Amino acid sequence: MRKDIDIHDDFYLALAFIPVPAAEQEPPQWEAFIYNAKQQPLEHVIINVSAMGVIDGVEKQTGTMRFYIEKMEPESYKKFEILLHDTLLLQNTYWISFYQGNEIGEKKLHVQLSEQWADDLTLLPLIDRAGIFCV
């Protein structure tokens, strides 16, 4: 059935990661946002997240977390996850699917978060906070 659906990889959809201020949280945590840069709304956005990698010589793998956003307005963002410290050490895979009108869109991102990202923060549009953009 999937072969019969025209699915587009969407370049107007991005993820943003913003550190929670150290005074508020120890060890460091990051907030994950989804960013819709399109001029059209998105509906039924589903974000599947899993992570895997090695921590202290031990192979780790998380379960799959699923987040659902019923509707995202044009040029908007939504926070959907808090990343715990150990998750920063793993490769995170985000598989995002959504409807835009009658079309299905999707995007898959592999993100290796790092505590060193805190040195490379930039002001993110719309969110108006310092963070990292992943497109």
Protein backbone atom coordinates (compact mmCIF):
# COMPACT_ATOMS: atom_id res chain seq x y z
CA MET A 1 0.00 0.00 0.00
CA ARG A 2 2.80 2.43 0.83
CA LYS A 3 4.05 2.21 -2.77
CA ASP A 4 0.70 3.65 -3.92
CA ILE A 5 1.06 6.81 -1.80
CA ASP A 6 3.11 9.74 -3.07
CA ILE A 7 5.23 10.70 -0.05
CA HIS A 8 7.49 13.77 -0.14
CA ASP A 9 10.56 14.39 2.00
CA ASP A 10 9.84 17.81 3.40
CA PHE A 11 12.55 20.47 3.61
CA TYR A 12 10.30 23.05 5.30
CA LEU A 13 10.10 20.96 8.42
CA ALA A 14 12.92 21.16 10.96
CA LEU A 15 13.78 20.21 14.50
CA ALA A 16 15.20 22.64 17.02
CA PHE A 17 17.02 21.72 20.21
CA ILE A 18 17.29 24.22 23.03
CA PRO A 19 19.20 23.68 26.29
CA VAL A 20 17.31 24.04 29.53
CA PRO A 21 19.19 26.66 31.58
CA ALA A 22 21.72 24.96 33.89
CA ALA A 23 20.32 26.74 36.94
CA GLU A 24 16.98 25.03 36.33
CA GLN A 25 18.22 21.52 35.60
CA GLU A 26 21.23 19.41 36.53
CA PRO A 27 22.48 17.34 34.72
CA PRO A 28 21.89 19.26 31.46
CA GLN A 29 18.73 18.60 29.50
CA TRP A 30 17.54 19.81 26.10
CA GLU A 31 14.05 20.62 24.86
CA ALA A 32 13.08 19.37 21.39
CA PHE A 33 10.81 21.46 19.15
CA ILE A 34 9.29 20.78 15.75
CA TYR A 35 9.31 23.77 13.41
CA ASN A 36 6.86 24.27 10.50
CA ALA A 37 8.33 26.83 8.08
CA LYS A 38 5.59 26.20 5.50
CA GLN A 39 2.95 28.72 4.54
CA GLN A 40 0.28 26.01 5.03
CA PRO A 41 -0.90 24.26 8.19
CA LEU A 42 0.07 20.66 8.93
CA GLU A 43 -2.31 18.14 10.44
CA HIS A 44 -1.89 14.83 12.24
CA VAL A 45 1.85 15.24 12.80
CA ILE A 46 3.37 12.07 14.23
CA ILE A 47 6.94 12.08 15.52
CA ASN A 48 8.58 8.69 16.18
CA VAL A 49 11.79 8.90 18.20
CA SER A 50 14.30 6.19 19.07
CA ALA A 51 17.95 6.29 20.06
CA MET A 52 20.90 3.92 20.08
CA GLY A 53 24.61 3.97 20.76
CA VAL A 54 27.29 3.12 23.29
CA ILE A 55 27.57 4.61 26.79
CA ASP A 56 30.57 3.64 28.92
CA GLY A 57 31.26 0.67 26.65
CA VAL A 58 27.72 -0.69 26.96
CA GLU A 59 25.40 -0.91 23.93
CA LYS A 60 22.18 1.03 24.62
CA GLN A 61 18.91 1.26 22.74
CA THR A 62 15.75 3.08 23.74
CA GLY A 63 12.20 2.11 22.96
CA THR A 64 10.30 4.11 20.38
CA MET A 65 8.49 7.17 21.72
CA ARG A 66 5.61 8.59 19.70
CA PHE A 67 4.34 12.15 19.87
CA TYR A 68 1.18 13.42 18.20
CA ILE A 69 0.32 16.99 17.26
CA GLU A 70 -3.17 17.43 15.86
CA LYS A 71 -2.48 20.68 13.99
CA MET A 72 0.43 23.04 13.41
CA GLU A 73 -0.27 26.50 12.08
CA PRO A 74 1.92 27.95 9.27
CA GLU A 75 5.30 29.25 10.45
CA SER A 76 4.92 27.85 13.95
CA TYR A 77 6.69 25.57 16.40
CA LYS A 78 5.73 23.14 19.17
CA LYS A 79 7.76 21.63 21.99
CA PHE A 80 7.32 17.86 22.06
CA GLU A 81 10.12 16.29 24.12
CA ILE A 82 12.65 16.78 26.91
CA LEU A 83 15.92 14.96 26.25
CA LEU A 84 17.55 13.51 29.33
CA HIS A 85 21.32 13.68 29.76
CA ASP A 86 22.07 10.07 28.70
CA THR A 87 20.08 10.57 25.50
CA LEU A 88 22.58 13.24 24.46
CA LEU A 89 25.20 10.51 24.15
CA LEU A 90 23.13 8.40 21.74
CA GLN A 91 22.22 8.82 18.08
CA ASN A 92 18.58 9.89 18.00
CA THR A 93 16.39 9.06 14.99
CA TYR A 94 13.33 11.23 14.37
CA TRP A 95 10.80 10.03 11.80
CA ILE A 96 8.13 12.66 11.22
CA SER A 97 4.99 12.14 9.14
CA PHE A 98 2.10 14.54 8.56
CA TYR A 99 -0.75 15.60 6.31
CA GLN A 100 -0.72 18.81 4.36
CA GLY A 101 -4.14 18.97 2.78
CA ASN A 102 -4.60 15.62 1.02
CA GLU A 103 -0.87 14.90 0.70
CA ILE A 104 1.28 12.91 3.09
CA GLY A 105 4.73 14.24 3.92
CA GLU A 106 7.56 12.76 5.88
CA LYS A 107 11.04 13.53 7.07
CA LYS A 108 13.63 11.35 8.76
CA LEU A 109 16.51 12.89 10.71
CA HIS A 110 19.44 11.28 12.51
CA VAL A 111 20.72 13.57 15.24
CA GLN A 112 23.81 13.00 17.37
CA LEU A 113 23.36 15.44 20.22
CA SER A 114 26.33 16.59 22.21
CA GLU A 115 27.03 18.70 25.26
CA GLN A 116 29.46 20.64 23.04
CA TRP A 117 26.47 21.96 21.12
CA ALA A 118 26.11 24.53 23.88
CA ASP A 119 29.11 26.30 22.30
CA ASP A 120 27.37 26.58 18.89
CA LEU A 121 23.99 28.05 19.79
CA THR A 122 22.27 30.56 17.51
CA LEU A 123 19.09 32.58 17.92
CA LEU A 124 16.26 30.51 16.42
CA PRO A 125 13.55 32.22 14.37
CA LEU A 126 10.04 32.32 15.85
CA ILE A 127 11.16 30.56 19.04
CA ASP A 128 13.38 33.53 19.93
CA ARG A 129 15.72 31.42 22.07
CA ALA A 130 19.26 30.20 21.50
CA GLY A 131 19.53 26.64 20.22
CA ILE A 132 20.46 24.34 17.36
CA PHE A 133 18.48 23.83 14.14
CA CYS A 134 18.46 20.42 12.39
CA VAL A 135 17.04 20.40 8.88
